[in-house]
Amino acid sequence: MLRAIVEHWRDDPALEELWRGQMDSFAKTTAERIDADRAAGAISHHAIDSQTLAATLTWLGERLYYLAATGTPPFDNQSELVDVLTHMWMTTLYAESPRWTIHTV
């Protein structure tokens, strides 16, 4: 089901609305958590807008789940997929502030 949705969500306006709504819902909830964790001091960096960061992490996961659904190594190994996504989320959100500068265009 995931594979069919991911491969065709741009072809059908109703499916696109459904899929974007689902992804936007995940990103909104994630952004709210990022904002709360920033306010609590658990996330020390604020360089990237919480909505953009949340959407990026959400869509990253969507793409990797799709690759898993298509049997694409190494994402076809569920435990490795969970480990890499957990690593990406935790280091992105809860690691010390990056030592690089973000340049805006």
Protein backbone atom coordinates (compact mmCIF):
# COMPACT_ATOMS: atom_id res chain seq x y z
CA MET A 1 0.00 0.00 0.00
CA LEU A 2 2.77 2.42 0.95
CA ARG A 3 4.60 1.73 -2.28
CA ALA A 4 1.47 2.40 -4.37
CA ILE A 5 0.76 5.65 -2.53
CA VAL A 6 4.34 6.89 -2.77
CA GLU A 7 4.59 6.05 -6.45
CA HIS A 8 1.26 7.63 -7.42
CA TRP A 9 0.35 10.39 -4.95
CA ARG A 10 1.23 13.08 -7.48
CA ASP A 11 -0.98 11.48 -10.17
CA ASP A 12 -4.33 11.79 -8.40
CA PRO A 13 -5.46 15.04 -6.75
CA ALA A 14 -7.45 13.23 -4.06
CA LEU A 15 -4.55 10.92 -3.23
CA GLU A 16 -2.16 13.87 -3.19
CA GLU A 17 -4.42 15.72 -0.75
CA LEU A 18 -4.65 12.63 1.45
CA TRP A 19 -0.89 11.92 1.43
CA ARG A 20 0.17 15.55 1.90
CA GLY A 21 -2.35 15.86 4.71
CA GLN A 22 -0.91 12.80 6.41
CA MET A 23 2.68 13.96 6.00
CA ASP A 24 1.80 17.51 7.07
CA SER A 25 0.10 16.11 10.17
CA PHE A 26 3.25 14.16 11.11
CA ALA A 27 5.43 17.22 10.45
CA LYS A 28 3.14 19.52 12.47
CA THR A 29 3.21 17.19 15.47
CA THR A 30 6.98 16.86 15.18
CA ALA A 31 7.44 20.65 14.96
CA GLU A 32 5.33 21.09 18.10
CA ARG A 33 7.59 18.62 19.92
CA ILE A 34 10.72 20.36 18.63
CA ASP A 35 9.38 23.71 19.88
CA ALA A 36 8.51 22.21 23.28
CA ASP A 37 11.92 20.55 23.59
CA ARG A 38 13.63 23.78 22.60
CA ALA A 39 11.65 25.68 25.22
CA ALA A 40 12.62 23.06 27.83
CA GLY A 41 16.29 23.31 26.85
CA ALA A 42 16.52 19.74 25.53
CA ILE A 43 17.34 21.02 22.04
CA SER A 44 20.00 23.71 22.22
CA HIS A 45 20.15 24.79 18.58
CA HIS A 46 17.60 27.05 16.92
CA ALA A 47 19.28 27.74 13.57
CA ILE A 48 16.65 25.91 11.52
CA ASP A 49 12.95 26.70 11.73
CA SER A 50 11.09 23.91 13.54
CA GLN A 51 8.54 23.49 10.72
CA THR A 52 11.27 23.07 8.10
CA LEU A 53 13.26 20.72 10.29
CA ALA A 54 10.20 18.63 11.12
CA ALA A 55 9.10 18.40 7.49
CA THR A 56 12.61 17.41 6.41
CA LEU A 57 12.86 14.61 8.96
CA THR A 58 9.33 13.42 8.16
CA TRP A 59 9.96 13.27 4.41
CA LEU A 60 13.34 11.61 5.00
CA GLY A 61 11.55 8.82 6.84
CA GLU A 62 8.93 8.55 4.11
CA ARG A 63 11.61 8.05 1.49
CA LEU A 64 13.45 5.42 3.52
CA TYR A 65 10.22 3.53 4.26
CA TYR A 66 9.55 3.54 0.52
CA LEU A 67 13.01 2.12 -0.17
CA ALA A 68 12.33 -0.57 2.44
CA ALA A 69 9.01 -1.38 0.78
CA THR A 70 10.79 -1.84 -2.56
CA GLY A 71 13.38 -4.18 -1.00
CA THR A 72 16.27 -1.75 -1.54
CA PRO A 73 19.31 -2.66 0.59
CA PRO A 74 20.28 -1.71 3.23
CA PHE A 75 16.81 -0.37 4.04
CA ASP A 76 15.20 -3.78 3.53
CA ASN A 77 16.64 -4.76 6.91
CA GLN A 78 14.04 -3.47 9.38
CA SER A 79 16.35 -3.25 12.38
CA GLU A 80 18.96 -1.32 10.39
CA LEU A 81 16.27 1.01 9.06
CA VAL A 82 14.99 1.70 12.57
CA ASP A 83 18.54 2.21 13.83
CA VAL A 84 19.52 4.65 11.08
CA LEU A 85 16.30 6.67 11.38
CA THR A 86 16.63 6.81 15.16
CA HIS A 87 20.25 7.92 14.77
CA MET A 88 19.34 10.60 12.22
CA TRP A 89 16.51 12.01 14.32
CA MET A 90 18.35 11.92 17.64
CA THR A 91 21.62 13.39 16.39
CA THR A 92 19.82 16.03 14.34
CA LEU A 93 17.63 17.12 17.21
CA TYR A 94 19.51 16.43 20.41
CA ALA A 95 23.21 16.67 19.54
CA GLU A 96 25.20 19.69 20.61
CA SER A 97 24.89 22.78 18.46
CA PRO A 98 26.63 22.29 15.13
CA ARG A 99 29.95 24.06 14.69
CA TRP A 100 29.11 25.16 11.18
CA THR A 101 27.28 28.20 10.00
CA ILE A 102 24.03 28.05 8.09
CA HIS A 103 24.04 30.34 5.09
CA THR A 104 20.76 31.57 3.71
CA VAL A 105 20.36 32.51 0.10
